[in-house]
């Protein structure tokens, strides 16, 4: 591979301000979180995709992602209670896995990530008062992965994201981290139910069912959780008040 394009120096004050400004100028909490993930995937040279994990009261959830692949990798870790994201969260330290082909700490994790053409993982904790409130997850393709410059920039992004997150929780009315996580967990539950319905009707895998829901979401220009809620509601409350139509009929 050729040399990477020159990137901003995260240690310069003007670069720090440039990174922080778009995060603090978003109009909603969801926009802020999505901005963190998308900005990270765009700015960190080795990153192919990125996501943002938040934690509260022992619960973890992916609250924003650059694409569905990052979310799937995150959820895999949550379901098994292990992985670089959770290690970074629990230890409040950066976890860098340069080559997953040589990594054996987390059962099945390497196979899942490699199946998406990704080879390297970088999990950077969002630190507030010395503790981790979340993690910036970065996933890379190819043999290069993340170099030292990427590591420094990811740490700078995570630091600014933590500041922006803290400021946002004070700024956006009637919003708290706990409230947002509760809403996100509810959405996740509804999506999981919808995936189950599609799996039963189409006799397909969970990944294929998720892709079906995602395509409908894109076609309708509607949020995935709303598509899922509509499907679950249609099955639970069929027209005419009769019994739900069995899957496949």
C-alpha atoms as a PDB file:
ATOM      1  CA  UNK A   1       0.000   0.000   0.000  1.00  0.00           C
ATOM      2  CA  UNK A   2       1.188   3.580  -0.646  1.00  0.00           C
ATOM      3  CA  UNK A   3       1.743   6.273   1.894  1.00  0.00           C
ATOM      4  CA  UNK A   4      -1.355   7.501   3.665  1.00  0.00           C
ATOM      5  CA  UNK A   5      -2.575  11.043   3.080  1.00  0.00           C
ATOM      6  CA  UNK A   6      -1.359  13.533   5.630  1.00  0.00           C
ATOM      7  CA  UNK A   7      -3.618  13.840   8.671  1.00  0.00           C
ATOM      8  CA  UNK A   8      -4.139  16.650  11.170  1.00  0.00           C
ATOM      9  CA  UNK A   9      -1.922  16.619  14.259  1.00  0.00           C
ATOM     10  CA  UNK A  10      -4.281  15.911  17.196  1.00  0.00           C
ATOM     11  CA  UNK A  11      -1.937  17.647  19.624  1.00  0.00           C
ATOM     12  CA  UNK A  12      -2.247  21.079  18.044  1.00  0.00           C
ATOM     13  CA  UNK A  13      -4.715  23.404  19.737  1.00  0.00           C
ATOM     14  CA  UNK A  14      -6.307  24.542  16.479  1.00  0.00           C
ATOM     15  CA  UNK A  15      -6.855  20.930  15.402  1.00  0.00           C
ATOM     16  CA  UNK A  16      -8.435  20.144  18.754  1.00  0.00           C
ATOM     17  CA  UNK A  17     -10.868  23.037  18.344  1.00  0.00           C
ATOM     18  CA  UNK A  18     -11.688  21.912  14.807  1.00  0.00           C
ATOM     19  CA  UNK A  19     -12.540  18.423  16.030  1.00  0.00           C
ATOM     20  CA  UNK A  20     -14.625  19.591  18.969  1.00  0.00           C
ATOM     21  CA  UNK A  21     -16.672  22.282  17.172  1.00  0.00           C
ATOM     22  CA  UNK A  22     -18.849  20.069  14.936  1.00  0.00           C
ATOM     23  CA  UNK A  23     -19.616  17.753  17.828  1.00  0.00           C
ATOM     24  CA  UNK A  24     -20.783  20.587  20.081  1.00  0.00           C
ATOM     25  CA  UNK A  25     -22.853  22.243  17.349  1.00  0.00           C
ATOM     26  CA  UNK A  26     -25.200  19.305  16.665  1.00  0.00           C
ATOM     27  CA  UNK A  27     -28.918  19.866  17.200  1.00  0.00           C
ATOM     28  CA  UNK A  28     -29.780  16.647  19.040  1.00  0.00           C
ATOM     29  CA  UNK A  29     -28.229  14.008  21.230  1.00  0.00           C
ATOM     30  CA  UNK A  30     -28.593  11.385  18.469  1.00  0.00           C
ATOM     31  CA  UNK A  31     -26.864  13.685  15.974  1.00  0.00           C
ATOM     32  CA  UNK A  32     -24.002  14.179  18.400  1.00  0.00           C
ATOM     33  CA  UNK A  33     -23.462  10.443  18.834  1.00  0.00           C
ATOM     34  CA  UNK A  34     -23.725   9.722  15.120  1.00  0.00           C
ATOM     35  CA  UNK A  35     -21.308  12.572  14.444  1.00  0.00           C
ATOM     36  CA  UNK A  36     -18.705  11.022  16.746  1.00  0.00           C
ATOM     37  CA  UNK A  37     -18.860   7.682  14.921  1.00  0.00           C
ATOM     38  CA  UNK A  38     -18.849   9.136  11.406  1.00  0.00           C
ATOM     39  CA  UNK A  39     -16.137  11.698  12.139  1.00  0.00           C
ATOM     40  CA  UNK A  40     -13.931   9.004  13.660  1.00  0.00           C
ATOM     41  CA  UNK A  41     -14.330   6.657  10.690  1.00  0.00           C
ATOM     42  CA  UNK A  42     -13.506   9.541   8.350  1.00  0.00           C
ATOM     43  CA  UNK A  43     -10.523  11.052  10.176  1.00  0.00           C
ATOM     44  CA  UNK A  44      -8.628   8.042  11.506  1.00  0.00           C
ATOM     45  CA  UNK A  45      -6.513   6.864   8.587  1.00  0.00           C
ATOM     46  CA  UNK A  46      -6.731   3.125   9.150  1.00  0.00           C
ATOM     47  CA  UNK A  47     -10.420   2.972  10.032  1.00  0.00           C
ATOM     48  CA  UNK A  48     -12.984   1.375   7.727  1.00  0.00           C
ATOM     49  CA  UNK A  49     -15.858   1.774  10.162  1.00  0.00           C
ATOM     50  CA  UNK A  50     -16.486   2.972  13.692  1.00  0.00           C
ATOM     51  CA  UNK A  51     -19.042   2.862  16.474  1.00  0.00           C
ATOM     52  CA  UNK A  52     -19.722   4.382  19.848  1.00  0.00           C
ATOM     53  CA  UNK A  53     -20.534   2.327  22.932  1.00  0.00           C
ATOM     54  CA  UNK A  54     -22.013   3.903  26.056  1.00  0.00           C
ATOM     55  CA  UNK A  55     -22.382   2.283  29.460  1.00  0.00           C
ATOM     56  CA  UNK A  56     -24.622   3.001  32.429  1.00  0.00           C
ATOM     57  CA  UNK A  57     -25.428   0.886  35.464  1.00  0.00           C
ATOM     58  CA  UNK A  58     -23.697  -2.191  34.085  1.00  0.00           C
ATOM     59  CA  UNK A  59     -25.519  -2.012  30.744  1.00  0.00           C
ATOM     60  CA  UNK A  60     -23.832  -1.356  27.413  1.00  0.00           C
ATOM     61  CA  UNK A  61     -25.287  -0.408  24.042  1.00  0.00           C
ATOM     62  CA  UNK A  62     -24.059   0.779  20.674  1.00  0.00           C
ATOM     63  CA  UNK A  63     -25.667   4.202  20.400  1.00  0.00           C
ATOM     64  CA  UNK A  64     -24.179   5.187  17.027  1.00  0.00           C
ATOM     65  CA  UNK A  65     -22.281   3.504  14.206  1.00  0.00           C
ATOM     66  CA  UNK A  66     -20.861   4.422  10.829  1.00  0.00           C
ATOM     67  CA  UNK A  67     -22.534   1.307   9.356  1.00  0.00           C
ATOM     68  CA  UNK A  68     -24.399  -1.877  10.454  1.00  0.00           C
ATOM     69  CA  UNK A  69     -21.215  -3.982  10.394  1.00  0.00           C
ATOM     70  CA  UNK A  70     -19.758  -2.079  13.345  1.00  0.00           C
ATOM     71  CA  UNK A  71     -22.987  -2.567  15.280  1.00  0.00           C
ATOM     72  CA  UNK A  72     -22.998  -6.323  14.652  1.00  0.00           C
ATOM     73  CA  UNK A  73     -19.421  -6.666  15.866  1.00  0.00           C
ATOM     74  CA  UNK A  74     -20.240  -4.668  18.995  1.00  0.00           C
ATOM     75  CA  UNK A  75     -23.376  -6.685  19.785  1.00  0.00           C
ATOM     76  CA  UNK A  76     -21.397  -9.912  19.430  1.00  0.00           C
ATOM     77  CA  UNK A  77     -19.162  -8.707  22.257  1.00  0.00           C
ATOM     78  CA  UNK A  78     -22.070  -7.627  24.467  1.00  0.00           C
ATOM     79  CA  UNK A  79     -23.828 -10.971  24.074  1.00  0.00           C
ATOM     80  CA  UNK A  80     -20.708 -12.906  25.070  1.00  0.00           C
ATOM     81  CA  UNK A  81     -19.524 -10.460  27.708  1.00  0.00           C
ATOM     82  CA  UNK A  82     -16.032 -10.250  26.237  1.00  0.00           C
ATOM     83  CA  UNK A  83     -14.061  -8.450  23.547  1.00  0.00           C
ATOM     84  CA  UNK A  84     -11.775  -5.444  23.034  1.00  0.00           C
ATOM     85  CA  UNK A  85     -14.620  -2.953  23.519  1.00  0.00           C
ATOM     86  CA  UNK A  86     -15.576  -4.353  26.924  1.00  0.00           C
ATOM     87  CA  UNK A  87     -11.934  -4.734  27.950  1.00  0.00           C
ATOM     88  CA  UNK A  88     -11.307  -1.060  27.160  1.00  0.00           C
ATOM     89  CA  UNK A  89     -14.452  -0.124  29.068  1.00  0.00           C
ATOM     90  CA  UNK A  90     -13.622  -2.134  32.189  1.00  0.00           C
ATOM     91  CA  UNK A  91      -9.923  -1.212  32.350  1.00  0.00           C
ATOM     92  CA  UNK A  92     -10.285   2.397  31.078  1.00  0.00           C
ATOM     93  CA  UNK A  93      -7.298   1.763  28.812  1.00  0.00           C
ATOM     94  CA  UNK A  94      -6.784   1.624  25.052  1.00  0.00           C
ATOM     95  CA  UNK A  95      -7.011  -1.857  23.534  1.00  0.00           C
ATOM     96  CA  UNK A  96      -5.301  -2.314  20.164  1.00  0.00           C
ATOM     97  CA  UNK A  97      -5.421  -5.605  18.253  1.00  0.00           C
ATOM     98  CA  UNK A  98      -3.152  -5.127  15.195  1.00  0.00           C
ATOM     99  CA  UNK A  99      -3.937  -8.475  13.548  1.00  0.00           C
ATOM    100  CA  UNK A 100      -6.939 -10.581  14.550  1.00  0.00           C
ATOM    101  CA  UNK A 101      -5.523 -13.566  12.703  1.00  0.00           C
ATOM    102  CA  UNK A 102      -3.084 -13.924  15.588  1.00  0.00           C
ATOM    103  CA  UNK A 103      -5.611 -13.117  18.354  1.00  0.00           C
ATOM    104  CA  UNK A 104      -7.140 -15.883  20.500  1.00  0.00           C
ATOM    105  CA  UNK A 105      -8.373 -14.093  23.626  1.00  0.00           C
ATOM    106  CA  UNK A 106     -12.043 -13.928  22.623  1.00  0.00           C
ATOM    107  CA  UNK A 107     -13.728 -17.042  21.263  1.00  0.00           C
ATOM    108  CA  UNK A 108     -15.383 -16.565  17.850  1.00  0.00           C
ATOM    109  CA  UNK A 109     -14.672 -12.823  17.837  1.00  0.00           C
ATOM    110  CA  UNK A 110     -11.786 -13.098  15.405  1.00  0.00           C
ATOM    111  CA  UNK A 111     -13.816 -15.211  12.984  1.00  0.00           C
ATOM    112  CA  UNK A 112     -16.720 -12.767  13.008  1.00  0.00           C
ATOM    113  CA  UNK A 113     -14.575  -9.697  12.362  1.00  0.00           C
ATOM    114  CA  UNK A 114     -12.486 -11.422   9.709  1.00  0.00           C
ATOM    115  CA  UNK A 115     -15.676 -12.562   7.932  1.00  0.00           C
ATOM    116  CA  UNK A 116     -16.416  -8.880   7.268  1.00  0.00           C
ATOM    117  CA  UNK A 117     -12.964  -8.335   5.756  1.00  0.00           C
ATOM    118  CA  UNK A 118     -11.700  -6.520   8.846  1.00  0.00           C
ATOM    119  CA  UNK A 119      -8.422  -7.413  10.546  1.00  0.00           C
ATOM    120  CA  UNK A 120      -7.596  -4.791  13.173  1.00  0.00           C
ATOM    121  CA  UNK A 121      -9.485  -3.363  16.136  1.00  0.00           C
ATOM    122  CA  UNK A 122      -8.858  -0.246  18.184  1.00  0.00           C
ATOM    123  CA  UNK A 123     -11.010   0.391  21.269  1.00  0.00           C
ATOM    124  CA  UNK A 124     -10.462   3.756  22.967  1.00  0.00           C
ATOM    125  CA  UNK A 125     -12.298   4.542  26.237  1.00  0.00           C
ATOM    126  CA  UNK A 126     -14.220   7.783  26.686  1.00  0.00           C
ATOM    127  CA  UNK A 127     -12.832   8.989  30.001  1.00  0.00           C
ATOM    128  CA  UNK A 128     -14.707  11.242  32.416  1.00  0.00           C
ATOM    129  CA  UNK A 129     -13.083  11.885  35.812  1.00  0.00           C
ATOM    130  CA  UNK A 130     -10.774   8.929  35.361  1.00  0.00           C
ATOM    131  CA  UNK A 131     -13.516   6.433  34.569  1.00  0.00           C
ATOM    132  CA  UNK A 132     -14.759   5.115  31.238  1.00  0.00           C
ATOM    133  CA  UNK A 133     -18.340   6.057  30.329  1.00  0.00           C
ATOM    134  CA  UNK A 134     -18.078   4.496  26.894  1.00  0.00           C
ATOM    135  CA  UNK A 135     -15.769   3.367  24.118  1.00  0.00           C
ATOM    136  CA  UNK A 136     -14.913   4.558  20.637  1.00  0.00           C
ATOM    137  CA  UNK A 137     -14.573   1.387  18.533  1.00  0.00           C
ATOM    138  CA  UNK A 138     -12.594   1.461  15.286  1.00  0.00           C
ATOM    139  CA  UNK A 139     -12.299  -1.422  12.827  1.00  0.00           C
ATOM    140  CA  UNK A 140      -9.776  -1.618   9.960  1.00  0.00           C
ATOM    141  CA  UNK A 141      -9.254  -3.631   6.779  1.00  0.00           C
ATOM    142  CA  UNK A 142      -6.010  -4.738   5.170  1.00  0.00           C
ATOM    143  CA  UNK A 143      -2.640  -5.582   6.631  1.00  0.00           C
ATOM    144  CA  UNK A 144      -1.701  -2.098   7.818  1.00  0.00           C
ATOM    145  CA  UNK A 145      -4.354  -1.576  10.480  1.00  0.00           C
ATOM    146  CA  UNK A 146      -3.693   1.368  12.794  1.00  0.00           C
ATOM    147  CA  UNK A 147      -0.336   3.087  13.025  1.00  0.00           C
ATOM    148  CA  UNK A 148       0.972   5.344  15.792  1.00  0.00           C
ATOM    149  CA  UNK A 149      -0.513   8.450  14.201  1.00  0.00           C
ATOM    150  CA  UNK A 150      -3.932   6.752  14.048  1.00  0.00           C
ATOM    151  CA  UNK A 151      -3.648   5.833  17.714  1.00  0.00           C
ATOM    152  CA  UNK A 152      -2.903   9.413  18.729  1.00  0.00           C
ATOM    153  CA  UNK A 153      -5.750  10.795  16.642  1.00  0.00           C
ATOM    154  CA  UNK A 154      -8.217   8.203  17.969  1.00  0.00           C
ATOM    155  CA  UNK A 155      -7.270   9.117  21.534  1.00  0.00           C
ATOM    156  CA  UNK A 156      -7.765  12.814  20.757  1.00  0.00           C
ATOM    157  CA  UNK A 157     -11.158  12.119  19.190  1.00  0.00           C
ATOM    158  CA  UNK A 158     -12.228  10.048  22.193  1.00  0.00           C
ATOM    159  CA  UNK A 159     -11.148  12.811  24.567  1.00  0.00           C
ATOM    160  CA  UNK A 160     -13.127  15.444  22.654  1.00  0.00           C
ATOM    161  CA  UNK A 161     -16.095  13.084  22.356  1.00  0.00           C
ATOM    162  CA  UNK A 162     -16.120  12.637  26.134  1.00  0.00           C
ATOM    163  CA  UNK A 163     -16.088  16.410  26.613  1.00  0.00           C
ATOM    164  CA  UNK A 164     -18.829  16.889  24.017  1.00  0.00           C
ATOM    165  CA  UNK A 165     -20.898  14.108  25.558  1.00  0.00           C
ATOM    166  CA  UNK A 166     -20.637  15.605  29.026  1.00  0.00           C
ATOM    167  CA  UNK A 167     -21.567  19.049  27.701  1.00  0.00           C
ATOM    168  CA  UNK A 168     -24.479  17.645  25.702  1.00  0.00           C
ATOM    169  CA  UNK A 169     -25.973  15.898  28.700  1.00  0.00           C
ATOM    170  CA  UNK A 170     -26.110  19.298  30.418  1.00  0.00           C
ATOM    171  CA  UNK A 171     -27.398  21.102  27.323  1.00  0.00           C
ATOM    172  CA  UNK A 172     -30.152  18.984  25.791  1.00  0.00           C
ATOM    173  CA  UNK A 173     -33.346  19.389  27.825  1.00  0.00           C
ATOM    174  CA  UNK A 174     -34.894  16.329  29.448  1.00  0.00           C
ATOM    175  CA  UNK A 175     -32.110  14.048  28.272  1.00  0.00           C
ATOM    176  CA  UNK A 176     -29.834  11.968  30.456  1.00  0.00           C
ATOM    177  CA  UNK A 177     -27.471   9.145  29.671  1.00  0.00           C
ATOM    178  CA  UNK A 178     -29.721   6.747  31.584  1.00  0.00           C
ATOM    179  CA  UNK A 179     -32.784   7.885  29.630  1.00  0.00           C
ATOM    180  CA  UNK A 180     -30.975   7.517  26.329  1.00  0.00           C
ATOM    181  CA  UNK A 181     -29.715   4.052  27.201  1.00  0.00           C
ATOM    182  CA  UNK A 182     -33.194   2.998  28.282  1.00  0.00           C
ATOM    183  CA  UNK A 183     -34.599   4.145  24.946  1.00  0.00           C
ATOM    184  CA  UNK A 184     -31.764   2.470  23.056  1.00  0.00           C
ATOM    185  CA  UNK A 185     -32.236  -0.801  24.914  1.00  0.00           C
ATOM    186  CA  UNK A 186     -35.966  -0.696  24.188  1.00  0.00           C
ATOM    187  CA  UNK A 187     -35.207  -0.133  20.506  1.00  0.00           C
ATOM    188  CA  UNK A 188     -32.759  -3.029  20.538  1.00  0.00           C
ATOM    189  CA  UNK A 189     -35.418  -5.308  22.050  1.00  0.00           C
ATOM    190  CA  UNK A 190     -37.954  -4.343  19.374  1.00  0.00           C
ATOM    191  CA  UNK A 191     -35.385  -4.859  16.600  1.00  0.00           C
ATOM    192  CA  UNK A 192     -34.500  -8.281  17.995  1.00  0.00           C
ATOM    193  CA  UNK A 193     -38.188  -9.239  18.015  1.00  0.00           C
ATOM    194  CA  UNK A 194     -38.579  -8.069  14.418  1.00  0.00           C
ATOM    195  CA  UNK A 195     -35.492 -10.056  13.390  1.00  0.00           C
ATOM    196  CA  UNK A 196     -37.069 -13.137  14.951  1.00  0.00           C
ATOM    197  CA  UNK A 197     -40.291 -12.581  13.015  1.00  0.00           C
ATOM    198  CA  UNK A 198     -38.452 -12.201   9.702  1.00  0.00           C
ATOM    199  CA  UNK A 199     -36.321 -15.286  10.441  1.00  0.00           C
ATOM    200  CA  UNK A 200     -39.437 -17.353  11.047  1.00  0.00           C
ATOM    201  CA  UNK A 201     -41.251 -16.084   7.957  1.00  0.00           C
ATOM    202  CA  UNK A 202     -38.328 -16.175   5.547  1.00  0.00           C
ATOM    203  CA  UNK A 203     -36.471 -19.102   7.127  1.00  0.00           C
ATOM    204  CA  UNK A 204     -33.241 -17.147   7.046  1.00  0.00           C
ATOM    205  CA  UNK A 205     -30.356 -16.306   9.389  1.00  0.00           C
ATOM    206  CA  UNK A 206     -30.314 -13.402  11.832  1.00  0.00           C
ATOM    207  CA  UNK A 207     -27.891 -11.464   9.623  1.00  0.00           C
ATOM    208  CA  UNK A 208     -30.113 -11.963   6.576  1.00  0.00           C
ATOM    209  CA  UNK A 209     -33.177 -10.898   8.571  1.00  0.00           C
ATOM    210  CA  UNK A 210     -31.369  -7.760   9.729  1.00  0.00           C
ATOM    211  CA  UNK A 211     -30.501  -6.961   6.112  1.00  0.00           C
ATOM    212  CA  UNK A 212     -34.186  -7.299   5.167  1.00  0.00           C
ATOM    213  CA  UNK A 213     -35.175  -4.789   7.850  1.00  0.00           C
ATOM    214  CA  UNK A 214     -32.353  -2.450   6.878  1.00  0.00           C
ATOM    215  CA  UNK A 215     -33.403  -2.463   3.198  1.00  0.00           C
ATOM    216  CA  UNK A 216     -37.000  -1.667   4.155  1.00  0.00           C
ATOM    217  CA  UNK A 217     -35.726   1.128   6.381  1.00  0.00           C
ATOM    218  CA  UNK A 218     -33.718   2.620   3.506  1.00  0.00           C
ATOM    219  CA  UNK A 219     -36.537   2.236   0.978  1.00  0.00           C
ATOM    220  CA  UNK A 220     -39.038   3.951   3.268  1.00  0.00           C
ATOM    221  CA  UNK A 221     -36.508   6.488   4.553  1.00  0.00           C
ATOM    222  CA  UNK A 222     -37.627   5.467   8.044  1.00  0.00           C
ATOM    223  CA  UNK A 223     -35.554   4.647  11.115  1.00  0.00           C
ATOM    224  CA  UNK A 224     -34.815   0.959  11.580  1.00  0.00           C
ATOM    225  CA  UNK A 225     -36.420   0.871  15.018  1.00  0.00           C
ATOM    226  CA  UNK A 226     -39.646   2.316  13.590  1.00  0.00           C
ATOM    227  CA  UNK A 227     -39.750  -0.333  10.853  1.00  0.00           C
ATOM    228  CA  UNK A 228     -39.196  -3.000  13.510  1.00  0.00           C
ATOM    229  CA  UNK A 229     -41.883  -1.551  15.786  1.00  0.00           C
ATOM    230  CA  UNK A 230     -44.386  -1.511  12.909  1.00  0.00           C
ATOM    231  CA  UNK A 231     -43.697  -5.171  12.132  1.00  0.00           C
ATOM    232  CA  UNK A 232     -43.976  -6.269  15.756  1.00  0.00           C
ATOM    233  CA  UNK A 233     -47.191  -4.274  16.166  1.00  0.00           C
ATOM    234  CA  UNK A 234     -48.669  -5.771  12.984  1.00  0.00           C
ATOM    235  CA  UNK A 235     -48.023  -9.295  14.256  1.00  0.00           C
ATOM    236  CA  UNK A 236     -49.289  -8.580  17.769  1.00  0.00           C
ATOM    237  CA  UNK A 237     -52.402  -6.688  16.637  1.00  0.00           C
ATOM    238  CA  UNK A 238     -53.603  -7.955  13.253  1.00  0.00           C
ATOM    239  CA  UNK A 239     -56.397  -6.174  11.345  1.00  0.00           C
ATOM    240  CA  UNK A 240     -59.874  -7.003  12.641  1.00  0.00           C
ATOM    241  CA  UNK A 241     -58.631  -7.954  16.077  1.00  0.00           C
ATOM    242  CA  UNK A 242     -58.258 -11.631  15.172  1.00  0.00           C
ATOM    243  CA  UNK A 243     -55.330 -13.862  15.929  1.00  0.00           C
ATOM    244  CA  UNK A 244     -51.980 -13.048  14.316  1.00  0.00           C
ATOM    245  CA  UNK A 245     -51.327 -14.577  10.925  1.00  0.00           C
ATOM    246  CA  UNK A 246     -48.769 -17.379  11.394  1.00  0.00           C
ATOM    247  CA  UNK A 247     -45.328 -16.667   9.893  1.00  0.00           C
ATOM    248  CA  UNK A 248     -45.040 -17.814   6.293  1.00  0.00           C
ATOM    249  CA  UNK A 249     -48.787 -17.553   5.556  1.00  0.00           C
END
